[in-house]
Amino acid sequence: MTNETQDQLSRSWEDFRNLPFPSGFHSREPEGECMVTMDATLAGCISSAMNGQLDDERHAVLHSRIARLGELIPLIRDDENATNYFTLLHQTAMLAAEFDDARRA
């Protein structure tokens, strides 16, 4: 893992944290998926990964939620703010997974 990747994760996380949660997505659940829970779960995993290696359970949650969010993003394209928000969350989570995976290697 390069310092560049770690820096990229830090910048992406900071950018994400400055975005407001998209209005209308407190109750919108594409394919029955609560987007508030998706947000909180991934944000927790990202924050934890930045502070140390994830345990096996959180590592698995991070990877499964990344995959699921990737499936959901195309379903919310009708809302530009939500698409931007969840796309940045997805990208940041992928960086966190890469960062955590490198620690495990």
N, C-alpha and C. Protein backbone atom coordinates (compact mmCIF):
# COMPACT_ATOMS: atom_id res chain seq x y z
N MET A 1 0.86 -1.17 0.00
CA MET A 1 0.00 0.00 0.00
C MET A 1 0.90 1.23 0.00
N THR A 2 0.63 2.09 -0.90
CA THR A 2 1.43 3.31 -0.98
C THR A 2 0.81 4.41 -0.14
N ASN A 3 1.63 5.36 0.21
CA ASN A 3 1.10 6.53 0.92
C ASN A 3 0.09 7.26 0.05
N GLU A 4 0.27 7.17 -1.26
CA GLU A 4 -0.66 7.81 -2.19
C GLU A 4 -2.07 7.23 -2.03
N THR A 5 -2.17 5.92 -1.89
CA THR A 5 -3.48 5.29 -1.71
C THR A 5 -4.10 5.71 -0.39
N GLN A 6 -3.30 5.75 0.64
CA GLN A 6 -3.79 6.18 1.94
C GLN A 6 -4.25 7.64 1.88
N ASP A 7 -3.49 8.47 1.21
CA ASP A 7 -3.88 9.87 1.03
C ASP A 7 -5.18 9.99 0.25
N GLN A 8 -5.31 9.18 -0.78
CA GLN A 8 -6.52 9.19 -1.60
C GLN A 8 -7.73 8.79 -0.74
N LEU A 9 -7.57 7.78 0.09
CA LEU A 9 -8.65 7.37 1.00
C LEU A 9 -9.01 8.51 1.94
N SER A 10 -8.02 9.15 2.51
CA SER A 10 -8.28 10.26 3.44
C SER A 10 -9.02 11.41 2.75
N ARG A 11 -8.60 11.75 1.54
CA ARG A 11 -9.27 12.83 0.79
C ARG A 11 -10.71 12.45 0.44
N SER A 12 -10.88 11.23 -0.02
CA SER A 12 -12.21 10.76 -0.40
C SER A 12 -13.15 10.73 0.81
N TRP A 13 -12.63 10.29 1.93
CA TRP A 13 -13.43 10.24 3.17
C TRP A 13 -13.82 11.65 3.60
N GLU A 14 -12.88 12.57 3.53
CA GLU A 14 -13.18 13.95 3.91
C GLU A 14 -14.22 14.56 2.96
N ASP A 15 -14.08 14.32 1.66
CA ASP A 15 -15.07 14.81 0.69
C ASP A 15 -16.45 14.24 1.00
N PHE A 16 -16.48 12.94 1.29
CA PHE A 16 -17.75 12.28 1.57
C PHE A 16 -18.40 12.86 2.83
N ARG A 17 -17.61 13.04 3.87
CA ARG A 17 -18.15 13.54 5.14
C ARG A 17 -18.73 14.94 5.02
N ASN A 18 -18.32 15.69 4.01
CA ASN A 18 -18.84 17.04 3.81
C ASN A 18 -20.15 17.08 3.04
N LEU A 19 -20.58 15.95 2.51
CA LEU A 19 -21.83 15.91 1.75
C LEU A 19 -23.02 15.64 2.68
N PRO A 20 -24.11 16.34 2.47
CA PRO A 20 -25.31 16.03 3.26
C PRO A 20 -25.97 14.75 2.73
N PHE A 21 -26.58 13.99 3.64
CA PHE A 21 -27.33 12.81 3.22
C PHE A 21 -28.46 13.27 2.30
N PRO A 22 -28.66 12.59 1.18
CA PRO A 22 -29.67 13.05 0.20
C PRO A 22 -31.09 13.04 0.76
N SER A 23 -31.77 14.17 0.59
CA SER A 23 -33.15 14.25 1.05
C SER A 23 -33.98 13.24 0.27
N GLY A 24 -34.94 12.69 0.92
CA GLY A 24 -35.80 11.69 0.29
C GLY A 24 -35.30 10.28 0.45
N PHE A 25 -34.06 10.11 0.90
CA PHE A 25 -33.52 8.76 1.03
C PHE A 25 -33.55 8.26 2.47
N HIS A 26 -34.20 9.04 3.34
CA HIS A 26 -34.41 8.54 4.70
C HIS A 26 -35.48 7.45 4.67
N SER A 27 -36.34 7.52 3.68
CA SER A 27 -37.41 6.52 3.59
C SER A 27 -37.39 5.73 2.28
N ARG A 28 -36.57 6.12 1.35
CA ARG A 28 -36.51 5.40 0.07
C ARG A 28 -35.66 4.15 0.24
N GLU A 29 -36.20 3.02 -0.19
CA GLU A 29 -35.53 1.74 -0.02
C GLU A 29 -35.53 0.96 -1.33
N PRO A 30 -34.57 1.24 -2.22
CA PRO A 30 -34.52 0.49 -3.48
C PRO A 30 -34.29 -1.00 -3.21
N GLU A 31 -35.11 -1.81 -3.82
CA GLU A 31 -35.07 -3.27 -3.64
C GLU A 31 -35.10 -3.65 -2.16
N GLY A 32 -35.83 -2.86 -1.35
CA GLY A 32 -35.98 -3.16 0.06
C GLY A 32 -34.76 -2.85 0.91
N GLU A 33 -33.78 -2.19 0.36
CA GLU A 33 -32.53 -1.88 1.07
C GLU A 33 -32.63 -0.50 1.71
N CYS A 34 -32.50 -0.45 3.03
CA CYS A 34 -32.52 0.82 3.75
C CYS A 34 -31.22 1.56 3.47
N MET A 35 -31.32 2.71 2.82
CA MET A 35 -30.11 3.45 2.44
C MET A 35 -29.48 4.15 3.64
N VAL A 36 -30.25 4.44 4.67
CA VAL A 36 -29.69 5.01 5.90
C VAL A 36 -28.78 3.97 6.56
N THR A 37 -29.25 2.74 6.63
CA THR A 37 -28.44 1.67 7.21
C THR A 37 -27.21 1.41 6.34
N MET A 38 -27.38 1.42 5.03
CA MET A 38 -26.25 1.23 4.12
C MET A 38 -25.18 2.29 4.39
N ASP A 39 -25.62 3.53 4.49
CA ASP A 39 -24.72 4.65 4.75
C ASP A 39 -23.99 4.46 6.08
N ALA A 40 -24.73 4.19 7.12
CA ALA A 40 -24.14 4.06 8.46
C ALA A 40 -23.18 2.88 8.53
N THR A 41 -23.55 1.78 7.93
CA THR A 41 -22.70 0.58 7.97
C THR A 41 -21.39 0.82 7.24
N LEU A 42 -21.48 1.35 6.02
CA LEU A 42 -20.25 1.59 5.27
C LEU A 42 -19.41 2.68 5.90
N ALA A 43 -20.03 3.73 6.39
CA ALA A 43 -19.26 4.80 7.04
C ALA A 43 -18.51 4.26 8.25
N GLY A 44 -19.16 3.40 9.03
CA GLY A 44 -18.50 2.79 10.17
C GLY A 44 -17.33 1.92 9.77
N CYS A 45 -17.51 1.15 8.72
CA CYS A 45 -16.41 0.30 8.22
C CYS A 45 -15.25 1.14 7.70
N ILE A 46 -15.56 2.19 6.98
CA ILE A 46 -14.51 3.05 6.43
C ILE A 46 -13.72 3.70 7.56
N SER A 47 -14.42 4.27 8.50
CA SER A 47 -13.77 4.92 9.63
C SER A 47 -12.90 3.93 10.40
N SER A 48 -13.42 2.75 10.64
CA SER A 48 -12.66 1.73 11.35
C SER A 48 -11.42 1.30 10.57
N ALA A 49 -11.56 1.14 9.27
CA ALA A 49 -10.42 0.72 8.43
C ALA A 49 -9.32 1.78 8.44
N MET A 50 -9.71 3.02 8.54
CA MET A 50 -8.71 4.09 8.56
C MET A 50 -7.94 4.10 9.88
N ASN A 51 -8.53 3.50 10.91
CA ASN A 51 -7.92 3.52 12.24
C ASN A 51 -7.25 2.20 12.62
N GLY A 52 -7.30 1.22 11.75
CA GLY A 52 -6.66 -0.06 12.06
C GLY A 52 -7.28 -1.18 11.24
N GLN A 53 -6.64 -2.33 11.27
CA GLN A 53 -7.12 -3.47 10.49
C GLN A 53 -8.49 -3.91 11.02
N LEU A 54 -9.39 -4.20 10.09
CA LEU A 54 -10.73 -4.65 10.47
C LEU A 54 -10.69 -6.10 10.95
N ASP A 55 -11.59 -6.42 11.87
CA ASP A 55 -11.72 -7.82 12.25
C ASP A 55 -12.42 -8.55 11.10
N ASP A 56 -12.43 -9.87 11.18
CA ASP A 56 -12.97 -10.66 10.07
C ASP A 56 -14.43 -10.35 9.76
N GLU A 57 -15.23 -10.13 10.79
CA GLU A 57 -16.65 -9.85 10.57
C GLU A 57 -16.84 -8.51 9.86
N ARG A 58 -16.19 -7.47 10.34
CA ARG A 58 -16.34 -6.15 9.72
C ARG A 58 -15.75 -6.16 8.31
N HIS A 59 -14.67 -6.89 8.11
CA HIS A 59 -14.07 -7.03 6.78
C HIS A 59 -15.09 -7.63 5.81
N ALA A 60 -15.78 -8.68 6.24
CA ALA A 60 -16.79 -9.32 5.40
C ALA A 60 -17.96 -8.38 5.14
N VAL A 61 -18.38 -7.64 6.16
CA VAL A 61 -19.48 -6.69 6.01
C VAL A 61 -19.10 -5.62 4.99
N LEU A 62 -17.90 -5.08 5.11
CA LEU A 62 -17.45 -4.06 4.17
C LEU A 62 -17.54 -4.55 2.74
N HIS A 63 -17.02 -5.73 2.48
CA HIS A 63 -17.02 -6.26 1.11
C HIS A 63 -18.44 -6.57 0.62
N SER A 64 -19.29 -7.10 1.47
CA SER A 64 -20.65 -7.42 1.03
C SER A 64 -21.47 -6.16 0.77
N ARG A 65 -21.28 -5.13 1.59
CA ARG A 65 -22.02 -3.88 1.42
C ARG A 65 -21.52 -3.11 0.19
N ILE A 66 -20.23 -3.20 -0.10
CA ILE A 66 -19.71 -2.58 -1.34
C ILE A 66 -20.40 -3.21 -2.54
N ALA A 67 -20.47 -4.52 -2.55
CA ALA A 67 -21.10 -5.22 -3.68
C ALA A 67 -22.57 -4.84 -3.80
N ARG A 68 -23.26 -4.81 -2.68
CA ARG A 68 -24.69 -4.49 -2.71
C ARG A 68 -24.94 -3.06 -3.16
N LEU A 69 -24.15 -2.12 -2.66
CA LEU A 69 -24.32 -0.73 -3.07
C LEU A 69 -24.05 -0.57 -4.56
N GLY A 70 -23.08 -1.30 -5.06
CA GLY A 70 -22.81 -1.27 -6.49
C GLY A 70 -24.01 -1.70 -7.32
N GLU A 71 -24.80 -2.62 -6.79
CA GLU A 71 -26.03 -3.06 -7.47
C GLU A 71 -27.14 -2.01 -7.39
N LEU A 72 -27.14 -1.23 -6.31
CA LEU A 72 -28.23 -0.28 -6.08
C LEU A 72 -28.03 1.07 -6.77
N ILE A 73 -26.81 1.47 -6.97
CA ILE A 73 -26.56 2.80 -7.56
C ILE A 73 -27.29 2.99 -8.89
N PRO A 74 -27.28 2.01 -9.80
CA PRO A 74 -28.03 2.23 -11.05
C PRO A 74 -29.54 2.43 -10.84
N LEU A 75 -30.06 1.98 -9.72
CA LEU A 75 -31.50 2.09 -9.46
C LEU A 75 -31.90 3.46 -8.94
N ILE A 76 -30.92 4.29 -8.58
CA ILE A 76 -31.24 5.62 -8.02
C ILE A 76 -30.79 6.75 -8.93
N ARG A 77 -30.50 6.43 -10.17
CA ARG A 77 -29.98 7.43 -11.12
C ARG A 77 -30.95 8.58 -11.37
N ASP A 78 -32.20 8.43 -10.97
CA ASP A 78 -33.17 9.50 -11.15
C ASP A 78 -32.94 10.67 -10.19
N ASP A 79 -32.06 10.48 -9.21
CA ASP A 79 -31.76 11.53 -8.23
C ASP A 79 -30.26 11.81 -8.28
N GLU A 80 -29.91 12.94 -8.88
CA GLU A 80 -28.49 13.26 -9.10
C GLU A 80 -27.73 13.41 -7.79
N ASN A 81 -28.33 14.07 -6.80
CA ASN A 81 -27.65 14.24 -5.52
C ASN A 81 -27.39 12.89 -4.85
N ALA A 82 -28.38 12.03 -4.87
CA ALA A 82 -28.22 10.71 -4.26
C ALA A 82 -27.19 9.89 -5.03
N THR A 83 -27.23 9.98 -6.34
CA THR A 83 -26.25 9.25 -7.15
C THR A 83 -24.83 9.70 -6.80
N ASN A 84 -24.62 11.00 -6.72
CA ASN A 84 -23.29 11.53 -6.37
C ASN A 84 -22.88 11.08 -4.97
N TYR A 85 -23.80 11.18 -4.03
CA TYR A 85 -23.52 10.82 -2.64
C TYR A 85 -23.13 9.34 -2.52
N PHE A 86 -23.98 8.48 -3.05
CA PHE A 86 -23.74 7.04 -2.89
C PHE A 86 -22.60 6.53 -3.77
N THR A 87 -22.35 7.21 -4.87
CA THR A 87 -21.19 6.85 -5.69
C THR A 87 -19.90 7.17 -4.94
N LEU A 88 -19.86 8.33 -4.30
CA LEU A 88 -18.66 8.67 -3.52
C LEU A 88 -18.52 7.74 -2.32
N LEU A 89 -19.63 7.39 -1.68
CA LEU A 89 -19.57 6.41 -0.59
C LEU A 89 -19.01 5.09 -1.08
N HIS A 90 -19.48 4.65 -2.23
CA HIS A 90 -19.02 3.39 -2.82
C HIS A 90 -17.53 3.45 -3.13
N GLN A 91 -17.09 4.52 -3.75
CA GLN A 91 -15.67 4.67 -4.09
C GLN A 91 -14.80 4.71 -2.84
N THR A 92 -15.26 5.42 -1.82
CA THR A 92 -14.50 5.53 -0.58
C THR A 92 -14.44 4.17 0.12
N ALA A 93 -15.53 3.45 0.10
CA ALA A 93 -15.55 2.12 0.71
C ALA A 93 -14.61 1.17 -0.03
N MET A 94 -14.55 1.28 -1.35
CA MET A 94 -13.63 0.43 -2.12
C MET A 94 -12.18 0.75 -1.75
N LEU A 95 -11.87 2.02 -1.56
CA LEU A 95 -10.52 2.41 -1.13
C LEU A 95 -10.22 1.86 0.26
N ALA A 96 -11.20 1.92 1.15
CA ALA A 96 -11.02 1.38 2.50
C ALA A 96 -10.79 -0.13 2.46
N ALA A 97 -11.51 -0.81 1.58
CA ALA A 97 -11.32 -2.26 1.44
C ALA A 97 -9.93 -2.57 0.90
N GLU A 98 -9.48 -1.79 -0.06
CA GLU A 98 -8.14 -1.97 -0.61
C GLU A 98 -7.09 -1.75 0.48
N PHE A 99 -7.29 -0.73 1.27
CA PHE A 99 -6.39 -0.39 2.37
C PHE A 99 -6.36 -1.55 3.39
N ASP A 100 -7.53 -2.04 3.75
CA ASP A 100 -7.61 -3.14 4.71
C ASP A 100 -7.03 -4.43 4.14
N ASP A 101 -7.33 -4.71 2.89
CA ASP A 101 -6.79 -5.91 2.23
C ASP A 101 -5.27 -5.90 2.22
N ALA A 102 -4.68 -4.74 1.99
CA ALA A 102 -3.22 -4.63 1.96
C ALA A 102 -2.62 -4.94 3.34
N ARG A 103 -3.32 -4.57 4.37
CA ARG A 103 -2.84 -4.87 5.72
C ARG A 103 -2.87 -6.37 6.00
N ARG A 104 -3.81 -7.05 5.39
CA ARG A 104 -3.97 -8.49 5.62
C ARG A 104 -2.95 -9.32 4.84
N ALA A 105 -2.38 -8.71 3.81
CA ALA A 105 -1.45 -9.45 2.94
C ALA A 105 -0.12 -9.74 3.62
